[in-house]
Amino acid sequence: MRLSRGTGHTCTPAPCRAVPRRAAPLRALRSQRTSGGSGGSGGSGGPARKCRQEITWTRKTDYHLLTVGLTTYTVDQRFIVEHVRHQQAWNLRIRQATEADAGLYECQITSHPPVSVFIVLKVIEAVAEVVGAPDLHIKAGSSLRLVCLLRGSTETPAFLFWYRGTSMVNYDAHDGISVLTGEAAEEAAGPGAYSVLRLERAAARHAGNYTCVPANARPASIQVHVINDEAPAAMQRGSGGKVLLSPLWALLLASALLAAE
C-alpha cells in the first residue's frame, strides 16, 4: 500500500453465530418447580446471541496497542477508529502519516478462535518540484511562468498555494498573477504539470523566492531574479542552466584575455 500524508485501513469482522442454550440440570428444574418458579426459563429454549466481538488494532513494529473497539489506547492523537453503526467495518485512520508510521499492523477480531488480519503499511513521501530551480533570471517586462510538479503523490492535494516570500499570491490578479491547477495546468505546460503560476509582465517588485506548497507534499522553491539593466542581463541563465553573455560583455572579455597575453 502506497500512502502519502494520510491513510486508513479497514477491518471487517465475521458475523456473530447463534449459540444454543444448554438445558438446565434436572435437579435445578425440580428446585424451581418446588419453589414456585415456572421452570420455563431454564429449559432448552431458542438460540441466544452470546457473541460479542471486539476489534483491536495493534502496531506490530513495537507491539503497541492502538485501539480497542472505539477506544484509543495511544497518546498519539493522529490514530483514530472510524465505525459506522450497522456496518461491519472498523477503519483505523492515521492523520498526517509519516515514514515513521510504516510497518506491520494487525487487526484482531476477538471471535472464538481469534481472527487476525495483517497489513503492511508503506509510506511514500510526496515532494513538489519547481522546474528550473534553484534560480531563474528574467528581464524586466518579460513574462514569467513557474511550473510545479508533484513526485510520489498518491492522491490529489486538497489545495496548492504559491508564495512569494511569506505572502500567498494565488489570488493576486490585481498584480498580474494567475494560477492554473490540475488539468488546466497540464494543458498549459504539458503532462506532469500540476500547477502553473503565470505573470505577463515582470517588474522588479516581482523578484523573490517563490514556493509551491501542496497540501500533501514537501514544498519546493525557486529564486526569481528580475534584471533591469544591460550589465546584470549579461549573466542570465538559459533554460538548460547555461550562463549567457551579451555581445558587449563577450567583446570586453575577449579584449581582457588578449591584453593578458
C-alpha atoms as a PDB file:
ATOM      1  CA  MET A   1       0.000   0.000   0.000  1.00  0.00           C
ATOM      2  CA  ARG A   2       1.484   3.335  -1.082  1.00  0.00           C
ATOM      3  CA  LEU A   3       0.422   6.290   1.001  1.00  0.00           C
ATOM      4  CA  SER A   4       1.318   9.948   1.360  1.00  0.00           C
ATOM      5  CA  ARG A   5       0.146  12.226   4.162  1.00  0.00           C
ATOM      6  CA  GLY A   6      -2.938  10.450   5.445  1.00  0.00           C
ATOM      7  CA  THR A   7      -4.197   6.917   5.354  1.00  0.00           C
ATOM      8  CA  GLY A   8      -6.728   4.412   6.638  1.00  0.00           C
ATOM      9  CA  HIS A   9      -7.157   0.657   6.940  1.00  0.00           C
ATOM     10  CA  THR A  10     -10.428  -1.278   7.112  1.00  0.00           C
ATOM     11  CA  CYS A  11     -11.119  -4.345   9.225  1.00  0.00           C
ATOM     12  CA  THR A  12     -14.359  -6.325   8.766  1.00  0.00           C
ATOM     13  CA  PRO A  13     -15.383  -8.888  11.409  1.00  0.00           C
ATOM     14  CA  ALA A  14     -17.292 -12.042  10.550  1.00  0.00           C
ATOM     15  CA  PRO A  15     -20.961 -12.109  11.604  1.00  0.00           C
ATOM     16  CA  CYS A  16     -21.726 -13.493  15.067  1.00  0.00           C
ATOM     17  CA  ARG A  17     -23.050 -17.058  15.254  1.00  0.00           C
ATOM     18  CA  ALA A  18     -26.032 -18.046  17.329  1.00  0.00           C
ATOM     19  CA  VAL A  19     -25.121 -20.160  20.373  1.00  0.00           C
ATOM     20  CA  PRO A  20     -27.821 -22.644  21.529  1.00  0.00           C
ATOM     21  CA  ARG A  21     -28.740 -22.552  25.182  1.00  0.00           C
ATOM     22  CA  ARG A  22     -27.973 -25.573  27.267  1.00  0.00           C
ATOM     23  CA  ALA A  23     -30.776 -27.362  29.095  1.00  0.00           C
ATOM     24  CA  ALA A  24     -30.740 -26.711  32.837  1.00  0.00           C
ATOM     25  CA  PRO A  25     -29.905 -29.726  35.049  1.00  0.00           C
ATOM     26  CA  LEU A  26     -32.898 -31.769  36.121  1.00  0.00           C
ATOM     27  CA  ARG A  27     -32.140 -31.084  39.781  1.00  0.00           C
ATOM     28  CA  ALA A  28     -32.323 -27.339  39.106  1.00  0.00           C
ATOM     29  CA  LEU A  29     -35.628 -27.691  37.311  1.00  0.00           C
ATOM     30  CA  ARG A  30     -37.161 -29.610  40.207  1.00  0.00           C
ATOM     31  CA  SER A  31     -35.898 -26.998  42.626  1.00  0.00           C
ATOM     32  CA  GLN A  32     -37.532 -24.230  40.589  1.00  0.00           C
ATOM     33  CA  ARG A  33     -40.836 -26.061  40.473  1.00  0.00           C
ATOM     34  CA  THR A  34     -40.702 -26.656  44.233  1.00  0.00           C
ATOM     35  CA  SER A  35     -40.074 -23.004  44.917  1.00  0.00           C
ATOM     36  CA  GLY A  36     -42.918 -21.952  42.647  1.00  0.00           C
ATOM     37  CA  GLY A  37     -40.857 -20.968  39.597  1.00  0.00           C
ATOM     38  CA  SER A  38     -42.216 -21.583  36.148  1.00  0.00           C
ATOM     39  CA  GLY A  39     -39.243 -23.672  35.111  1.00  0.00           C
ATOM     40  CA  GLY A  40     -39.581 -22.488  31.546  1.00  0.00           C
ATOM     41  CA  SER A  41     -36.627 -20.115  31.738  1.00  0.00           C
ATOM     42  CA  GLY A  42     -34.239 -22.918  32.442  1.00  0.00           C
ATOM     43  CA  GLY A  43     -35.289 -25.107  29.520  1.00  0.00           C
ATOM     44  CA  SER A  44     -33.542 -25.508  26.223  1.00  0.00           C
ATOM     45  CA  GLY A  45     -35.419 -22.589  24.600  1.00  0.00           C
ATOM     46  CA  GLY A  46     -34.268 -20.939  21.413  1.00  0.00           C
ATOM     47  CA  PRO A  47     -30.797 -19.770  20.427  1.00  0.00           C
ATOM     48  CA  ALA A  48     -29.238 -16.871  22.363  1.00  0.00           C
ATOM     49  CA  ARG A  49     -26.731 -14.440  20.866  1.00  0.00           C
ATOM     50  CA  LYS A  50     -23.786 -14.634  23.245  1.00  0.00           C
ATOM     51  CA  CYS A  51     -21.275 -13.485  20.626  1.00  0.00           C
ATOM     52  CA  ARG A  52     -19.679 -10.121  21.473  1.00  0.00           C
ATOM     53  CA  GLN A  53     -16.762  -9.299  19.211  1.00  0.00           C
ATOM     54  CA  GLU A  54     -14.198  -6.589  19.870  1.00  0.00           C
ATOM     55  CA  ILE A  55     -11.927  -5.128  17.219  1.00  0.00           C
ATOM     56  CA  THR A  56      -8.349  -4.263  18.199  1.00  0.00           C
ATOM     57  CA  TRP A  57      -5.666  -2.549  16.152  1.00  0.00           C
ATOM     58  CA  THR A  58      -2.013  -3.144  17.077  1.00  0.00           C
ATOM     59  CA  ARG A  59       1.198  -1.805  15.575  1.00  0.00           C
ATOM     60  CA  LYS A  60       3.372  -4.901  15.455  1.00  0.00           C
ATOM     61  CA  THR A  61       6.608  -2.987  14.903  1.00  0.00           C
ATOM     62  CA  ASP A  62       6.707  -2.092  18.607  1.00  0.00           C
ATOM     63  CA  TYR A  63       3.702  -4.192  19.801  1.00  0.00           C
ATOM     64  CA  HIS A  64       1.809  -1.029  20.651  1.00  0.00           C
ATOM     65  CA  LEU A  65      -1.919  -1.464  21.241  1.00  0.00           C
ATOM     66  CA  LEU A  66      -3.607   1.371  19.372  1.00  0.00           C
ATOM     67  CA  THR A  67      -7.357   0.838  19.727  1.00  0.00           C
ATOM     68  CA  VAL A  68      -9.933  -1.486  21.267  1.00  0.00           C
ATOM     69  CA  GLY A  69     -13.390  -1.009  19.845  1.00  0.00           C
ATOM     70  CA  LEU A  70     -13.940   2.739  19.644  1.00  0.00           C
ATOM     71  CA  THR A  71     -11.456   3.464  22.450  1.00  0.00           C
ATOM     72  CA  THR A  72      -7.976   4.739  21.590  1.00  0.00           C
ATOM     73  CA  TYR A  73      -5.135   3.380  23.745  1.00  0.00           C
ATOM     74  CA  THR A  74      -2.338   5.576  22.421  1.00  0.00           C
ATOM     75  CA  VAL A  75      -1.450   9.147  23.328  1.00  0.00           C
ATOM     76  CA  ASP A  76      -0.778   9.845  19.657  1.00  0.00           C
ATOM     77  CA  GLN A  77      -3.948  11.657  18.630  1.00  0.00           C
ATOM     78  CA  ARG A  78      -3.308  11.019  14.947  1.00  0.00           C
ATOM     79  CA  PHE A  79      -4.707   7.482  15.378  1.00  0.00           C
ATOM     80  CA  ILE A  80      -8.496   7.175  15.407  1.00  0.00           C
ATOM     81  CA  VAL A  81     -11.077   4.472  14.683  1.00  0.00           C
ATOM     82  CA  GLU A  82     -13.974   5.172  12.378  1.00  0.00           C
ATOM     83  CA  HIS A  83     -17.025   2.927  12.653  1.00  0.00           C
ATOM     84  CA  VAL A  84     -20.448   3.441  11.144  1.00  0.00           C
ATOM     85  CA  ARG A  85     -23.289   1.846  13.088  1.00  0.00           C
ATOM     86  CA  HIS A  86     -24.816  -1.207  11.393  1.00  0.00           C
ATOM     87  CA  GLN A  87     -21.786  -1.533   9.108  1.00  0.00           C
ATOM     88  CA  GLN A  88     -19.276  -4.283   9.816  1.00  0.00           C
ATOM     89  CA  ALA A  89     -16.197  -2.165   9.104  1.00  0.00           C
ATOM     90  CA  TRP A  90     -13.717  -0.644  11.544  1.00  0.00           C
ATOM     91  CA  ASN A  91     -11.329   1.824   9.935  1.00  0.00           C
ATOM     92  CA  LEU A  92      -8.015   2.753  11.509  1.00  0.00           C
ATOM     93  CA  ARG A  93      -7.119   6.229  10.291  1.00  0.00           C
ATOM     94  CA  ILE A  94      -3.715   7.861  10.687  1.00  0.00           C
ATOM     95  CA  ARG A  95      -3.709  11.615  10.246  1.00  0.00           C
ATOM     96  CA  GLN A  96      -0.606  13.186   8.704  1.00  0.00           C
ATOM     97  CA  ALA A  97       1.164   9.849   8.210  1.00  0.00           C
ATOM     98  CA  THR A  98       4.964   9.956   8.227  1.00  0.00           C
ATOM     99  CA  GLU A  99       7.670   7.484   7.265  1.00  0.00           C
ATOM    100  CA  ALA A 100       7.929   6.512  10.943  1.00  0.00           C
ATOM    101  CA  ASP A 101       4.397   5.040  10.709  1.00  0.00           C
ATOM    102  CA  ALA A 102       5.463   2.442   8.148  1.00  0.00           C
ATOM    103  CA  GLY A 103       5.442  -1.181   9.242  1.00  0.00           C
ATOM    104  CA  LEU A 104       3.204  -4.124  10.093  1.00  0.00           C
ATOM    105  CA  TYR A 105      -0.275  -3.570  11.594  1.00  0.00           C
ATOM    106  CA  GLU A 106      -2.646  -6.199  12.991  1.00  0.00           C
ATOM    107  CA  CYS A 107      -6.414  -6.056  13.177  1.00  0.00           C
ATOM    108  CA  GLN A 108      -7.673  -8.755  15.550  1.00  0.00           C
ATOM    109  CA  ILE A 109     -11.278  -9.842  15.972  1.00  0.00           C
ATOM    110  CA  THR A 110     -11.957 -11.398  19.379  1.00  0.00           C
ATOM    111  CA  SER A 111     -14.020 -14.247  17.996  1.00  0.00           C
ATOM    112  CA  HIS A 112     -13.502 -17.852  19.082  1.00  0.00           C
ATOM    113  CA  PRO A 113     -10.901 -18.617  17.929  1.00  0.00           C
ATOM    114  CA  PRO A 114      -9.486 -15.097  17.377  1.00  0.00           C
ATOM    115  CA  VAL A 115      -9.030 -13.959  13.789  1.00  0.00           C
ATOM    116  CA  SER A 116      -6.249 -11.597  12.702  1.00  0.00           C
ATOM    117  CA  VAL A 117      -5.637  -9.602   9.556  1.00  0.00           C
ATOM    118  CA  PHE A 118      -2.126  -8.247   8.917  1.00  0.00           C
ATOM    119  CA  ILE A 119      -1.431  -5.171   6.798  1.00  0.00           C
ATOM    120  CA  VAL A 120       1.964  -3.843   5.720  1.00  0.00           C
ATOM    121  CA  LEU A 121       1.934  -0.056   5.511  1.00  0.00           C
ATOM    122  CA  LYS A 122       4.422   1.670   3.218  1.00  0.00           C
ATOM    123  CA  VAL A 123       4.632   5.459   3.431  1.00  0.00           C
ATOM    124  CA  ILE A 124       5.975   7.248   0.379  1.00  0.00           C
ATOM    125  CA  GLU A 125       6.794  10.921   0.902  1.00  0.00           C
ATOM    126  CA  ALA A 126       5.390  13.104  -1.848  1.00  0.00           C
ATOM    127  CA  VAL A 127       7.529  16.064  -2.920  1.00  0.00           C
ATOM    128  CA  ALA A 128       6.950  19.102  -5.087  1.00  0.00           C
ATOM    129  CA  GLU A 129       9.413  20.230  -7.764  1.00  0.00           C
ATOM    130  CA  VAL A 130       9.605  23.629  -9.463  1.00  0.00           C
ATOM    131  CA  VAL A 131      11.028  23.420 -12.975  1.00  0.00           C
ATOM    132  CA  GLY A 132      14.211  25.472 -13.387  1.00  0.00           C
ATOM    133  CA  ALA A 133      15.101  25.672  -9.680  1.00  0.00           C
ATOM    134  CA  PRO A 134      17.081  26.865  -7.812  1.00  0.00           C
ATOM    135  CA  ASP A 135      17.453  30.165  -9.745  1.00  0.00           C
ATOM    136  CA  LEU A 136      15.673  31.828 -12.643  1.00  0.00           C
ATOM    137  CA  HIS A 137      16.839  35.096 -14.261  1.00  0.00           C
ATOM    138  CA  ILE A 138      14.434  37.082 -16.438  1.00  0.00           C
ATOM    139  CA  LYS A 139      14.375  40.579 -17.930  1.00  0.00           C
ATOM    140  CA  ALA A 140      12.029  43.224 -16.641  1.00  0.00           C
ATOM    141  CA  GLY A 141       8.953  43.407 -18.851  1.00  0.00           C
ATOM    142  CA  SER A 142       9.157  39.770 -19.952  1.00  0.00           C
ATOM    143  CA  SER A 143       6.687  37.073 -18.978  1.00  0.00           C
ATOM    144  CA  LEU A 144       7.204  34.714 -16.054  1.00  0.00           C
ATOM    145  CA  ARG A 145       5.971  31.137 -15.917  1.00  0.00           C
ATOM    146  CA  LEU A 146       6.665  28.795 -12.988  1.00  0.00           C
ATOM    147  CA  VAL A 147       5.689  25.127 -13.268  1.00  0.00           C
ATOM    148  CA  CYS A 148       5.195  22.923 -10.183  1.00  0.00           C
ATOM    149  CA  LEU A 149       5.336  19.126 -10.482  1.00  0.00           C
ATOM    150  CA  LEU A 150       4.308  16.506  -7.881  1.00  0.00           C
ATOM    151  CA  ARG A 151       6.544  13.485  -7.334  1.00  0.00           C
ATOM    152  CA  GLY A 152       5.386  10.371  -5.449  1.00  0.00           C
ATOM    153  CA  SER A 153       1.912  11.696  -4.711  1.00  0.00           C
ATOM    154  CA  THR A 154      -0.770   9.014  -4.315  1.00  0.00           C
ATOM    155  CA  GLU A 155      -3.717  11.391  -4.154  1.00  0.00           C
ATOM    156  CA  THR A 156      -4.755  14.798  -5.408  1.00  0.00           C
ATOM    157  CA  PRO A 157      -3.840  17.504  -2.875  1.00  0.00           C
ATOM    158  CA  ALA A 158      -6.752  19.273  -1.235  1.00  0.00           C
ATOM    159  CA  PHE A 159      -5.106  22.588  -2.104  1.00  0.00           C
ATOM    160  CA  LEU A 160      -1.918  24.050  -3.557  1.00  0.00           C
ATOM    161  CA  PHE A 161      -0.691  27.553  -2.766  1.00  0.00           C
ATOM    162  CA  TRP A 162       2.064  29.672  -4.275  1.00  0.00           C
ATOM    163  CA  TYR A 163       4.021  32.039  -2.024  1.00  0.00           C
ATOM    164  CA  ARG A 164       6.409  34.892  -2.774  1.00  0.00           C
ATOM    165  CA  GLY A 165       8.376  35.128   0.430  1.00  0.00           C
ATOM    166  CA  THR A 166       5.721  34.752   3.123  1.00  0.00           C
ATOM    167  CA  SER A 167       2.817  36.153   1.074  1.00  0.00           C
ATOM    168  CA  MET A 168       0.386  33.870  -0.734  1.00  0.00           C
ATOM    169  CA  VAL A 169      -0.077  35.074  -4.328  1.00  0.00           C
ATOM    170  CA  ASN A 170      -2.674  32.678  -5.794  1.00  0.00           C
ATOM    171  CA  TYR A 171      -5.286  35.410  -5.916  1.00  0.00           C
ATOM    172  CA  ASP A 172      -3.087  38.420  -6.764  1.00  0.00           C
ATOM    173  CA  ALA A 173      -4.866  39.041 -10.079  1.00  0.00           C
ATOM    174  CA  HIS A 174      -4.534  42.800  -9.497  1.00  0.00           C
ATOM    175  CA  ASP A 175      -0.759  42.329  -9.733  1.00  0.00           C
ATOM    176  CA  GLY A 176      -0.988  40.364 -12.986  1.00  0.00           C
ATOM    177  CA  ILE A 177      -0.528  36.918 -11.418  1.00  0.00           C
ATOM    178  CA  SER A 178      -2.707  33.967 -12.398  1.00  0.00           C
ATOM    179  CA  VAL A 179      -2.506  30.337 -11.251  1.00  0.00           C
ATOM    180  CA  LEU A 180      -3.655  27.238 -13.144  1.00  0.00           C
ATOM    181  CA  THR A 181      -4.075  23.905 -11.365  1.00  0.00           C
ATOM    182  CA  GLY A 182      -4.846  20.335 -12.412  1.00  0.00           C
ATOM    183  CA  GLU A 183      -5.963  19.704 -15.987  1.00  0.00           C
ATOM    184  CA  ALA A 184      -5.666  23.380 -16.886  1.00  0.00           C
ATOM    185  CA  ALA A 185      -2.010  23.302 -15.796  1.00  0.00           C
ATOM    186  CA  GLU A 186      -1.307  20.236 -17.960  1.00  0.00           C
ATOM    187  CA  GLU A 187      -2.898  21.928 -20.954  1.00  0.00           C
ATOM    188  CA  ALA A 188      -0.703  24.992 -20.409  1.00  0.00           C
ATOM    189  CA  ALA A 189       2.608  23.312 -19.524  1.00  0.00           C
ATOM    190  CA  GLY A 190       2.351  19.698 -20.678  1.00  0.00           C
ATOM    191  CA  PRO A 191       1.939  16.283 -18.961  1.00  0.00           C
ATOM    192  CA  GLY A 192       3.101  16.098 -15.355  1.00  0.00           C
ATOM    193  CA  ALA A 193       2.486  19.740 -14.548  1.00  0.00           C
ATOM    194  CA  TYR A 194       0.112  20.153 -11.616  1.00  0.00           C
ATOM    195  CA  SER A 195       0.219  23.918 -11.095  1.00  0.00           C
ATOM    196  CA  VAL A 196       1.424  26.861 -13.198  1.00  0.00           C
ATOM    197  CA  LEU A 197       1.984  30.414 -11.969  1.00  0.00           C
ATOM    198  CA  ARG A 198       1.897  33.000 -14.777  1.00  0.00           C
ATOM    199  CA  LEU A 199       2.832  36.676 -14.926  1.00  0.00           C
ATOM    200  CA  GLU A 200       2.550  38.628 -18.172  1.00  0.00           C
ATOM    201  CA  ARG A 201       4.997  41.470 -17.424  1.00  0.00           C
ATOM    202  CA  ALA A 202       7.563  41.005 -14.681  1.00  0.00           C
ATOM    203  CA  ALA A 203       8.803  44.018 -12.746  1.00  0.00           C
ATOM    204  CA  ALA A 204      11.452  44.455 -10.070  1.00  0.00           C
ATOM    205  CA  ARG A 205       8.813  44.033  -7.356  1.00  0.00           C
ATOM    206  CA  HIS A 206       8.106  40.503  -8.634  1.00  0.00           C
ATOM    207  CA  ALA A 207      11.597  39.260  -7.780  1.00  0.00           C
ATOM    208  CA  GLY A 208      11.980  36.976  -4.789  1.00  0.00           C
ATOM    209  CA  ASN A 209      11.655  33.433  -3.537  1.00  0.00           C
ATOM    210  CA  TYR A 210       8.612  31.608  -4.939  1.00  0.00           C
ATOM    211  CA  THR A 211       7.420  28.442  -3.174  1.00  0.00           C
ATOM    212  CA  CYS A 212       4.969  25.815  -4.387  1.00  0.00           C
ATOM    213  CA  VAL A 213       3.147  24.381  -1.328  1.00  0.00           C
ATOM    214  CA  PRO A 214       0.841  21.373  -1.950  1.00  0.00           C
ATOM    215  CA  ALA A 215      -1.335  20.132   0.909  1.00  0.00           C
ATOM    216  CA  ASN A 216       0.155  16.633   0.902  1.00  0.00           C
ATOM    217  CA  ALA A 217       3.732  17.082  -0.295  1.00  0.00           C
ATOM    218  CA  ARG A 218       7.017  18.671   0.674  1.00  0.00           C
ATOM    219  CA  PRO A 219       7.202  22.250  -0.723  1.00  0.00           C
ATOM    220  CA  ALA A 220       9.681  23.369  -3.371  1.00  0.00           C
ATOM    221  CA  SER A 221      11.140  26.838  -4.039  1.00  0.00           C
ATOM    222  CA  ILE A 222      12.814  28.836  -6.773  1.00  0.00           C
ATOM    223  CA  GLN A 223      14.571  32.208  -6.593  1.00  0.00           C
ATOM    224  CA  VAL A 224      13.401  34.602  -9.315  1.00  0.00           C
ATOM    225  CA  HIS A 225      15.744  37.438 -10.324  1.00  0.00           C
ATOM    226  CA  VAL A 226      14.319  40.314 -12.394  1.00  0.00           C
ATOM    227  CA  ILE A 227      17.036  42.138 -14.364  1.00  0.00           C
ATOM    228  CA  ASN A 228      16.604  45.862 -15.105  1.00  0.00           C
ATOM    229  CA  ASP A 229      19.766  46.916 -16.990  1.00  0.00           C
ATOM    230  CA  GLU A 230      22.208  45.506 -19.530  1.00  0.00           C
ATOM    231  CA  ALA A 231      25.090  44.670 -17.187  1.00  0.00           C
ATOM    232  CA  PRO A 232      23.320  42.113 -14.974  1.00  0.00           C
ATOM    233  CA  ALA A 233      21.494  40.824 -18.065  1.00  0.00           C
ATOM    234  CA  ALA A 234      24.865  39.566 -19.267  1.00  0.00           C
ATOM    235  CA  MET A 235      24.616  36.887 -16.584  1.00  0.00           C
ATOM    236  CA  GLN A 236      21.172  35.490 -17.417  1.00  0.00           C
ATOM    237  CA  ARG A 237      20.641  31.756 -17.319  1.00  0.00           C
ATOM    238  CA  GLY A 238      19.099  29.838 -20.172  1.00  0.00           C
ATOM    239  CA  SER A 239      16.566  27.055 -19.796  1.00  0.00           C
ATOM    240  CA  GLY A 240      19.382  24.496 -19.709  1.00  0.00           C
ATOM    241  CA  GLY A 241      21.143  26.269 -16.844  1.00  0.00           C
ATOM    242  CA  LYS A 242      23.919  27.715 -19.092  1.00  0.00           C
ATOM    243  CA  VAL A 243      25.286  31.203 -18.423  1.00  0.00           C
ATOM    244  CA  LEU A 244      24.616  33.502 -21.382  1.00  0.00           C
ATOM    245  CA  LEU A 245      26.900  36.516 -22.141  1.00  0.00           C
ATOM    246  CA  SER A 246      25.689  39.560 -24.075  1.00  0.00           C
ATOM    247  CA  PRO A 247      27.791  40.559 -27.169  1.00  0.00           C
ATOM    248  CA  LEU A 248      29.189  43.593 -25.333  1.00  0.00           C
ATOM    249  CA  TRP A 249      30.440  41.541 -22.402  1.00  0.00           C
ATOM    250  CA  ALA A 250      31.810  38.896 -24.742  1.00  0.00           C
ATOM    251  CA  LEU A 251      33.839  41.586 -26.528  1.00  0.00           C
ATOM    252  CA  LEU A 252      35.147  43.016 -23.241  1.00  0.00           C
ATOM    253  CA  LEU A 253      36.123  39.560 -22.042  1.00  0.00           C
ATOM    254  CA  ALA A 254      37.997  38.815 -25.282  1.00  0.00           C
ATOM    255  CA  SER A 255      39.859  42.149 -25.017  1.00  0.00           C
ATOM    256  CA  ALA A 256      40.872  41.376 -21.453  1.00  0.00           C
ATOM    257  CA  LEU A 257      42.227  37.975 -22.461  1.00  0.00           C
ATOM    258  CA  LEU A 258      44.250  39.472 -25.336  1.00  0.00           C
ATOM    259  CA  ALA A 259      45.710  42.131 -23.035  1.00  0.00           C
ATOM    260  CA  ALA A 260      46.743  39.471 -20.545  1.00  0.00           C
ATOM    261  CA  GLU A 261      48.788  37.735 -23.236  1.00  0.00           C
END
